[in-house]
Amino acid sequence: MSLLIVRLVVFVLLFWVGFRIWQYWQTHQIESKNNQINKNEDGSETMVRCEKCQIHLPQGNAIKAGEYYFCCQEHQASFEKE
């Protein structure tokens, strides 16, 4: 009976380790795709302008609403009220 329990514990541990490796790999793939989208050919990131305060920031850090970009949610909400 104890051998059966040991096998079950080993199986659960192997499944858990495999699942964590799969999660890490999926997260890495998503981050890699996001970085490729926001990078120019020379490795620099595209800059966009906040429609409210006119400050420039990297596209990856901006909040996009339709065709407009904002530096923070407060500016987005304020712009949408106007």
PDB file of N, CA and C in Angstrom:
ATOM      1  N   MET A   1       0.817  -1.190   0.000  1.00  0.00           N
ATOM      2  CA  MET A   1       0.000   0.000   0.000  1.00  0.00           C
ATOM      3  C   MET A   1       0.868   1.264   0.000  1.00  0.00           C
ATOM      4  N   SER A   2       1.968   1.250   0.786  1.00  0.00           N
ATOM      5  CA  SER A   2       2.821   2.432   0.858  1.00  0.00           C
ATOM      6  C   SER A   2       3.532   2.696  -0.465  1.00  0.00           C
ATOM      7  N   LEU A   3       3.830   1.658  -1.224  1.00  0.00           N
ATOM      8  CA  LEU A   3       4.453   1.833  -2.530  1.00  0.00           C
ATOM      9  C   LEU A   3       3.504   2.559  -3.482  1.00  0.00           C
ATOM     10  N   LEU A   4       2.223   2.278  -3.381  1.00  0.00           N
ATOM     11  CA  LEU A   4       1.217   2.941  -4.202  1.00  0.00           C
ATOM     12  C   LEU A   4       1.147   4.428  -3.874  1.00  0.00           C
ATOM     13  N   ILE A   5       1.235   4.761  -2.606  1.00  0.00           N
ATOM     14  CA  ILE A   5       1.202   6.160  -2.184  1.00  0.00           C
ATOM     15  C   ILE A   5       2.453   6.887  -2.672  1.00  0.00           C
ATOM     16  N   VAL A   6       3.595   6.258  -2.590  1.00  0.00           N
ATOM     17  CA  VAL A   6       4.844   6.865  -3.073  1.00  0.00           C
ATOM     18  C   VAL A   6       4.751   7.129  -4.567  1.00  0.00           C
ATOM     19  N   ARG A   7       4.245   6.175  -5.312  1.00  0.00           N
ATOM     20  CA  ARG A   7       4.080   6.365  -6.767  1.00  0.00           C
ATOM     21  C   ARG A   7       3.133   7.517  -7.064  1.00  0.00           C
ATOM     22  N   LEU A   8       2.046   7.611  -6.304  1.00  0.00           N
ATOM     23  CA  LEU A   8       1.081   8.695  -6.498  1.00  0.00           C
ATOM     24  C   LEU A   8       1.726  10.045  -6.218  1.00  0.00           C
ATOM     25  N   VAL A   9       2.485  10.154  -5.132  1.00  0.00           N
ATOM     26  CA  VAL A   9       3.160  11.407  -4.791  1.00  0.00           C
ATOM     27  C   VAL A   9       4.161  11.786  -5.873  1.00  0.00           C
ATOM     28  N   VAL A  10       4.931  10.841  -6.361  1.00  0.00           N
ATOM     29  CA  VAL A  10       5.905  11.105  -7.428  1.00  0.00           C
ATOM     30  C   VAL A  10       5.180  11.562  -8.689  1.00  0.00           C
ATOM     31  N   PHE A  11       4.084  10.916  -9.034  1.00  0.00           N
ATOM     32  CA  PHE A  11       3.317  11.308 -10.217  1.00  0.00           C
ATOM     33  C   PHE A  11       2.787  12.732 -10.078  1.00  0.00           C
ATOM     34  N   VAL A  12       2.237  13.061  -8.913  1.00  0.00           N
ATOM     35  CA  VAL A  12       1.706  14.413  -8.688  1.00  0.00           C
ATOM     36  C   VAL A  12       2.832  15.433  -8.776  1.00  0.00           C
ATOM     37  N   LEU A  13       3.979  15.158  -8.192  1.00  0.00           N
ATOM     38  CA  LEU A  13       5.109  16.088  -8.266  1.00  0.00           C
ATOM     39  C   LEU A  13       5.591  16.290  -9.702  1.00  0.00           C
ATOM     40  N   LEU A  14       5.684  15.220 -10.462  1.00  0.00           N
ATOM     41  CA  LEU A  14       6.098  15.339 -11.867  1.00  0.00           C
ATOM     42  C   LEU A  14       5.081  16.143 -12.669  1.00  0.00           C
ATOM     43  N   PHE A  15       3.811  15.909 -12.425  1.00  0.00           N
ATOM     44  CA  PHE A  15       2.769  16.674 -13.116  1.00  0.00           C
ATOM     45  C   PHE A  15       2.867  18.153 -12.763  1.00  0.00           C
ATOM     46  N   TRP A  16       3.064  18.460 -11.469  1.00  0.00           N
ATOM     47  CA  TRP A  16       3.156  19.846 -11.023  1.00  0.00           C
ATOM     48  C   TRP A  16       4.358  20.540 -11.650  1.00  0.00           C
ATOM     49  N   VAL A  17       5.513  19.878 -11.671  1.00  0.00           N
ATOM     50  CA  VAL A  17       6.725  20.459 -12.274  1.00  0.00           C
ATOM     51  C   VAL A  17       6.508  20.699 -13.764  1.00  0.00           C
ATOM     52  N   GLY A  18       5.912  19.754 -14.446  1.00  0.00           N
ATOM     53  CA  GLY A  18       5.630  19.922 -15.871  1.00  0.00           C
ATOM     54  C   GLY A  18       4.682  21.083 -16.127  1.00  0.00           C
ATOM     55  N   PHE A  19       3.674  21.217 -15.292  1.00  0.00           N
ATOM     56  CA  PHE A  19       2.716  22.311 -15.441  1.00  0.00           C
ATOM     57  C   PHE A  19       3.388  23.660 -15.228  1.00  0.00           C
ATOM     58  N   ARG A  20       4.265  23.765 -14.215  1.00  0.00           N
ATOM     59  CA  ARG A  20       4.970  25.026 -13.967  1.00  0.00           C
ATOM     60  C   ARG A  20       5.916  25.385 -15.117  1.00  0.00           C
ATOM     61  N   ILE A  21       6.572  24.400 -15.681  1.00  0.00           N
ATOM     62  CA  ILE A  21       7.439  24.644 -16.840  1.00  0.00           C
ATOM     63  C   ILE A  21       6.608  25.134 -18.017  1.00  0.00           C
ATOM     64  N   TRP A  22       5.461  24.537 -18.227  1.00  0.00           N
ATOM     65  CA  TRP A  22       4.575  24.957 -19.317  1.00  0.00           C
ATOM     66  C   TRP A  22       4.096  26.391 -19.100  1.00  0.00           C
ATOM     67  N   GLN A  23       3.728  26.754 -17.862  1.00  0.00           N
ATOM     68  CA  GLN A  23       3.302  28.123 -17.558  1.00  0.00           C
ATOM     69  C   GLN A  23       4.423  29.115 -17.839  1.00  0.00           C
ATOM     70  N   TYR A  24       5.629  28.795 -17.406  1.00  0.00           N
ATOM     71  CA  TYR A  24       6.768  29.675 -17.634  1.00  0.00           C
ATOM     72  C   TYR A  24       6.999  29.869 -19.128  1.00  0.00           C
ATOM     73  N   TRP A  25       6.921  28.789 -19.879  1.00  0.00           N
ATOM     74  CA  TRP A  25       7.148  28.868 -21.314  1.00  0.00           C
ATOM     75  C   TRP A  25       6.079  29.727 -21.992  1.00  0.00           C
ATOM     76  N   GLN A  26       4.818  29.577 -21.610  1.00  0.00           N
ATOM     77  CA  GLN A  26       3.730  30.374 -22.194  1.00  0.00           C
ATOM     78  C   GLN A  26       3.931  31.852 -21.889  1.00  0.00           C
ATOM     79  N   THR A  27       4.281  32.186 -20.646  1.00  0.00           N
ATOM     80  CA  THR A  27       4.509  33.581 -20.270  1.00  0.00           C
ATOM     81  C   THR A  27       5.675  34.164 -21.063  1.00  0.00           C
ATOM     82  N   HIS A  28       6.716  33.402 -21.221  1.00  0.00           N
ATOM     83  CA  HIS A  28       7.878  33.863 -21.982  1.00  0.00           C
ATOM     84  C   HIS A  28       7.499  34.110 -23.442  1.00  0.00           C
ATOM     85  N   GLN A  29       6.681  33.253 -24.026  1.00  0.00           N
ATOM     86  CA  GLN A  29       6.262  33.419 -25.416  1.00  0.00           C
ATOM     87  C   GLN A  29       5.443  34.693 -25.586  1.00  0.00           C
ATOM     88  N   ILE A  30       4.531  34.975 -24.669  1.00  0.00           N
ATOM     89  CA  ILE A  30       3.686  36.172 -24.751  1.00  0.00           C
ATOM     90  C   ILE A  30       4.534  37.429 -24.615  1.00  0.00           C
ATOM     91  N   GLU A  31       5.459  37.447 -23.643  1.00  0.00           N
ATOM     92  CA  GLU A  31       6.336  38.606 -23.473  1.00  0.00           C
ATOM     93  C   GLU A  31       7.206  38.821 -24.697  1.00  0.00           C
ATOM     94  N   SER A  32       7.684  37.762 -25.293  1.00  0.00           N
ATOM     95  CA  SER A  32       8.526  37.862 -26.476  1.00  0.00           C
ATOM     96  C   SER A  32       7.749  38.478 -27.641  1.00  0.00           C
ATOM     97  N   LYS A  33       6.502  38.060 -27.812  1.00  0.00           N
ATOM     98  CA  LYS A  33       5.674  38.622 -28.886  1.00  0.00           C
ATOM     99  C   LYS A  33       5.387  40.096 -28.637  1.00  0.00           C
ATOM    100  N   ASN A  34       5.109  40.485 -27.387  1.00  0.00           N
ATOM    101  CA  ASN A  34       4.847  41.885 -27.071  1.00  0.00           C
ATOM    102  C   ASN A  34       6.068  42.743 -27.331  1.00  0.00           C
ATOM    103  N   ASN A  35       7.246  42.252 -26.994  1.00  0.00           N
ATOM    104  CA  ASN A  35       8.465  43.012 -27.234  1.00  0.00           C
ATOM    105  C   ASN A  35       8.735  43.179 -28.717  1.00  0.00           C
ATOM    106  N   GLN A  36       8.432  42.179 -29.526  1.00  0.00           N
ATOM    107  CA  GLN A  36       8.653  42.280 -30.964  1.00  0.00           C
ATOM    108  C   GLN A  36       7.703  43.283 -31.599  1.00  0.00           C
ATOM    109  N   ILE A  37       6.487  43.378 -31.095  1.00  0.00           N
ATOM    110  CA  ILE A  37       5.504  44.310 -31.654  1.00  0.00           C
ATOM    111  C   ILE A  37       5.934  45.748 -31.409  1.00  0.00           C
ATOM    112  N   ASN A  38       6.453  46.061 -30.220  1.00  0.00           N
ATOM    113  CA  ASN A  38       6.751  47.427 -29.839  1.00  0.00           C
ATOM    114  C   ASN A  38       8.147  47.897 -30.250  1.00  0.00           C
ATOM    115  N   LYS A  39       8.962  47.045 -30.835  1.00  0.00           N
ATOM    116  CA  LYS A  39      10.333  47.425 -31.172  1.00  0.00           C
ATOM    117  C   LYS A  39      10.457  47.784 -32.650  1.00  0.00           C
ATOM    118  N   ASN A  40      11.283  48.799 -32.916  1.00  0.00           N
ATOM    119  CA  ASN A  40      11.606  49.170 -34.290  1.00  0.00           C
ATOM    120  C   ASN A  40      12.757  48.294 -34.771  1.00  0.00           C
ATOM    121  N   GLU A  41      13.137  48.461 -36.031  1.00  0.00           N
ATOM    122  CA  GLU A  41      14.214  47.653 -36.601  1.00  0.00           C
ATOM    123  C   GLU A  41      15.536  47.851 -35.870  1.00  0.00           C
ATOM    124  N   ASP A  42      15.788  49.054 -35.375  1.00  0.00           N
ATOM    125  CA  ASP A  42      17.055  49.323 -34.693  1.00  0.00           C
ATOM    126  C   ASP A  42      17.011  48.968 -33.209  1.00  0.00           C
ATOM    127  N   GLY A  43      15.901  48.388 -32.742  1.00  0.00           N
ATOM    128  CA  GLY A  43      15.791  47.963 -31.353  1.00  0.00           C
ATOM    129  C   GLY A  43      15.153  48.995 -30.442  1.00  0.00           C
ATOM    130  N   SER A  44      14.909  50.207 -30.963  1.00  0.00           N
ATOM    131  CA  SER A  44      14.279  51.232 -30.137  1.00  0.00           C
ATOM    132  C   SER A  44      12.763  51.044 -30.136  1.00  0.00           C
ATOM    133  N   GLU A  45      12.112  51.599 -29.141  1.00  0.00           N
ATOM    134  CA  GLU A  45      10.672  51.457 -29.024  1.00  0.00           C
ATOM    135  C   GLU A  45       9.978  52.691 -29.579  1.00  0.00           C
ATOM    136  N   THR A  46       8.837  52.509 -30.210  1.00  0.00           N
ATOM    137  CA  THR A  46       8.079  53.607 -30.787  1.00  0.00           C
ATOM    138  C   THR A  46       7.549  54.510 -29.683  1.00  0.00           C
ATOM    139  N   MET A  47       7.692  55.820 -29.880  1.00  0.00           N
ATOM    140  CA  MET A  47       7.200  56.795 -28.917  1.00  0.00           C
ATOM    141  C   MET A  47       5.843  57.310 -29.375  1.00  0.00           C
ATOM    142  N   VAL A  48       4.929  57.488 -28.428  1.00  0.00           N
ATOM    143  CA  VAL A  48       3.605  58.035 -28.722  1.00  0.00           C
ATOM    144  C   VAL A  48       3.355  59.210 -27.786  1.00  0.00           C
ATOM    145  N   ARG A  49       2.361  60.036 -28.133  1.00  0.00           N
ATOM    146  CA  ARG A  49       2.074  61.237 -27.355  1.00  0.00           C
ATOM    147  C   ARG A  49       0.748  61.092 -26.625  1.00  0.00           C
ATOM    148  N   CYS A  50       0.736  61.482 -25.358  1.00  0.00           N
ATOM    149  CA  CYS A  50      -0.500  61.512 -24.577  1.00  0.00           C
ATOM    150  C   CYS A  50      -1.382  62.623 -25.128  1.00  0.00           C
ATOM    151  N   GLU A  51      -2.619  62.308 -25.420  1.00  0.00           N
ATOM    152  CA  GLU A  51      -3.532  63.299 -26.004  1.00  0.00           C
ATOM    153  C   GLU A  51      -3.914  64.384 -25.000  1.00  0.00           C
ATOM    154  N   LYS A  52      -3.798  64.111 -23.723  1.00  0.00           N
ATOM    155  CA  LYS A  52      -4.186  65.092 -22.702  1.00  0.00           C
ATOM    156  C   LYS A  52      -3.055  66.057 -22.375  1.00  0.00           C
ATOM    157  N   CYS A  53      -1.881  65.541 -22.008  1.00  0.00           N
ATOM    158  CA  CYS A  53      -0.791  66.410 -21.551  1.00  0.00           C
ATOM    159  C   CYS A  53       0.320  66.587 -22.587  1.00  0.00           C
ATOM    160  N   GLN A  54       0.228  65.891 -23.712  1.00  0.00           N
ATOM    161  CA  GLN A  54       1.167  66.008 -24.828  1.00  0.00           C
ATOM    162  C   GLN A  54       2.566  65.484 -24.519  1.00  0.00           C
ATOM    163  N   ILE A  55       2.737  64.736 -23.440  1.00  0.00           N
ATOM    164  CA  ILE A  55       4.043  64.157 -23.121  1.00  0.00           C
ATOM    165  C   ILE A  55       4.262  62.922 -23.986  1.00  0.00           C
ATOM    166  N   HIS A  56       5.494  62.677 -24.371  1.00  0.00           N
ATOM    167  CA  HIS A  56       5.831  61.499 -25.168  1.00  0.00           C
ATOM    168  C   HIS A  56       6.304  60.379 -24.246  1.00  0.00           C
ATOM    169  N   LEU A  57       5.868  59.155 -24.547  1.00  0.00           N
ATOM    170  CA  LEU A  57       6.256  57.993 -23.757  1.00  0.00           C
ATOM    171  C   LEU A  57       6.324  56.780 -24.661  1.00  0.00           C
ATOM    172  N   PRO A  58       7.039  55.734 -24.249  1.00  0.00           N
ATOM    173  CA  PRO A  58       7.120  54.525 -25.072  1.00  0.00           C
ATOM    174  C   PRO A  58       5.742  53.895 -25.258  1.00  0.00           C
ATOM    175  N   GLN A  59       5.485  53.377 -26.433  1.00  0.00           N
ATOM    176  CA  GLN A  59       4.190  52.786 -26.747  1.00  0.00           C
ATOM    177  C   GLN A  59       3.841  51.653 -25.790  1.00  0.00           C
ATOM    178  N   GLY A  60       4.830  50.909 -25.336  1.00  0.00           N
ATOM    179  CA  GLY A  60       4.580  49.811 -24.411  1.00  0.00           C
ATOM    180  C   GLY A  60       4.077  50.270 -23.055  1.00  0.00           C
ATOM    181  N   ASN A  61       4.368  51.515 -22.664  1.00  0.00           N
ATOM    182  CA  ASN A  61       3.925  52.041 -21.376  1.00  0.00           C
ATOM    183  C   ASN A  61       2.635  52.840 -21.484  1.00  0.00           C
ATOM    184  N   ALA A  62       2.179  53.103 -22.691  1.00  0.00           N
ATOM    185  CA  ALA A  62       1.000  53.941 -22.903  1.00  0.00           C
ATOM    186  C   ALA A  62      -0.285  53.119 -22.811  1.00  0.00           C
ATOM    187  N   ILE A  63      -1.366  53.821 -22.514  1.00  0.00           N
ATOM    188  CA  ILE A  63      -2.700  53.224 -22.505  1.00  0.00           C
ATOM    189  C   ILE A  63      -3.361  53.632 -23.808  1.00  0.00           C
ATOM    190  N   LYS A  64      -3.809  52.655 -24.570  1.00  0.00           N
ATOM    191  CA  LYS A  64      -4.418  52.945 -25.865  1.00  0.00           C
ATOM    192  C   LYS A  64      -5.934  52.860 -25.744  1.00  0.00           C
ATOM    193  N   ALA A  65      -6.599  53.900 -26.229  1.00  0.00           N
ATOM    194  CA  ALA A  65      -8.066  53.930 -26.257  1.00  0.00           C
ATOM    195  C   ALA A  65      -8.470  54.383 -27.655  1.00  0.00           C
ATOM    196  N   GLY A  66      -8.900  53.434 -28.465  1.00  0.00           N
ATOM    197  CA  GLY A  66      -9.216  53.752 -29.854  1.00  0.00           C
ATOM    198  C   GLY A  66      -7.950  54.088 -30.605  1.00  0.00           C
ATOM    199  N   GLU A  67      -7.923  55.282 -31.182  1.00  0.00           N
ATOM    200  CA  GLU A  67      -6.729  55.718 -31.912  1.00  0.00           C
ATOM    201  C   GLU A  67      -5.838  56.631 -31.067  1.00  0.00           C
ATOM    202  N   TYR A  68      -6.219  56.872 -29.823  1.00  0.00           N
ATOM    203  CA  TYR A  68      -5.485  57.779 -28.947  1.00  0.00           C
ATOM    204  C   TYR A  68      -4.662  57.013 -27.922  1.00  0.00           C
ATOM    205  N   TYR A  69      -3.582  57.668 -27.456  1.00  0.00           N
ATOM    206  CA  TYR A  69      -2.727  57.118 -26.413  1.00  0.00           C
ATOM    207  C   TYR A  69      -2.735  58.069 -25.221  1.00  0.00           C
ATOM    208  N   PHE A  70      -2.604  57.497 -24.020  1.00  0.00           N
ATOM    209  CA  PHE A  70      -2.592  58.287 -22.794  1.00  0.00           C
ATOM    210  C   PHE A  70      -1.494  57.780 -21.877  1.00  0.00           C
ATOM    211  N   CYS A  71      -0.960  58.680 -21.033  1.00  0.00           N
ATOM    212  CA  CYS A  71       0.108  58.294 -20.107  1.00  0.00           C
ATOM    213  C   CYS A  71      -0.448  57.667 -18.835  1.00  0.00           C
ATOM    214  N   CYS A  72      -1.711  57.919 -18.502  1.00  0.00           N
ATOM    215  CA  CYS A  72      -2.309  57.335 -17.296  1.00  0.00           C
ATOM    216  C   CYS A  72      -3.826  57.247 -17.474  1.00  0.00           C
ATOM    217  N   GLN A  73      -4.466  56.506 -16.599  1.00  0.00           N
ATOM    218  CA  GLN A  73      -5.916  56.323 -16.692  1.00  0.00           C
ATOM    219  C   GLN A  73      -6.674  57.607 -16.374  1.00  0.00           C
ATOM    220  N   GLU A  74      -6.101  58.448 -15.515  1.00  0.00           N
ATOM    221  CA  GLU A  74      -6.759  59.716 -15.189  1.00  0.00           C
ATOM    222  C   GLU A  74      -6.866  60.609 -16.425  1.00  0.00           C
ATOM    223  N   HIS A  75      -5.803  60.662 -17.216  1.00  0.00           N
ATOM    224  CA  HIS A  75      -5.833  61.466 -18.443  1.00  0.00           C
ATOM    225  C   HIS A  75      -6.810  60.877 -19.461  1.00  0.00           C
ATOM    226  N   GLN A  76      -6.883  59.573 -19.517  1.00  0.00           N
ATOM    227  CA  GLN A  76      -7.838  58.937 -20.425  1.00  0.00           C
ATOM    228  C   GLN A  76      -9.269  59.284 -20.016  1.00  0.00           C
ATOM    229  N   ALA A  77      -9.579  59.182 -18.739  1.00  0.00           N
ATOM    230  CA  ALA A  77     -10.927  59.483 -18.253  1.00  0.00           C
ATOM    231  C   ALA A  77     -11.261  60.961 -18.468  1.00  0.00           C
ATOM    232  N   SER A  78     -10.302  61.840 -18.190  1.00  0.00           N
ATOM    233  CA  SER A  78     -10.515  63.277 -18.375  1.00  0.00           C
ATOM    234  C   SER A  78     -10.736  63.604 -19.844  1.00  0.00           C
ATOM    235  N   PHE A  79      -9.978  63.005 -20.719  1.00  0.00           N
ATOM    236  CA  PHE A  79     -10.113  63.247 -22.160  1.00  0.00           C
ATOM    237  C   PHE A  79     -11.463  62.758 -22.676  1.00  0.00           C
ATOM    238  N   GLU A  80     -11.918  61.620 -22.176  1.00  0.00           N
ATOM    239  CA  GLU A  80     -13.190  61.069 -22.623  1.00  0.00           C
ATOM    240  C   GLU A  80     -14.383  61.875 -22.121  1.00  0.00           C
ATOM    241  N   LYS A  81     -14.242  62.589 -20.992  1.00  0.00           N
ATOM    242  CA  LYS A  81     -15.312  63.435 -20.466  1.00  0.00           C
ATOM    243  C   LYS A  81     -15.500  64.690 -21.320  1.00  0.00           C
ATOM    244  N   GLU A  82     -14.417  65.154 -21.904  1.00  0.00           N
ATOM    245  CA  GLU A  82     -14.473  66.411 -22.689  1.00  0.00           C
ATOM    246  C   GLU A  82     -15.148  66.244 -24.012  1.00  0.00           C
TER     247      GLU A  82
END
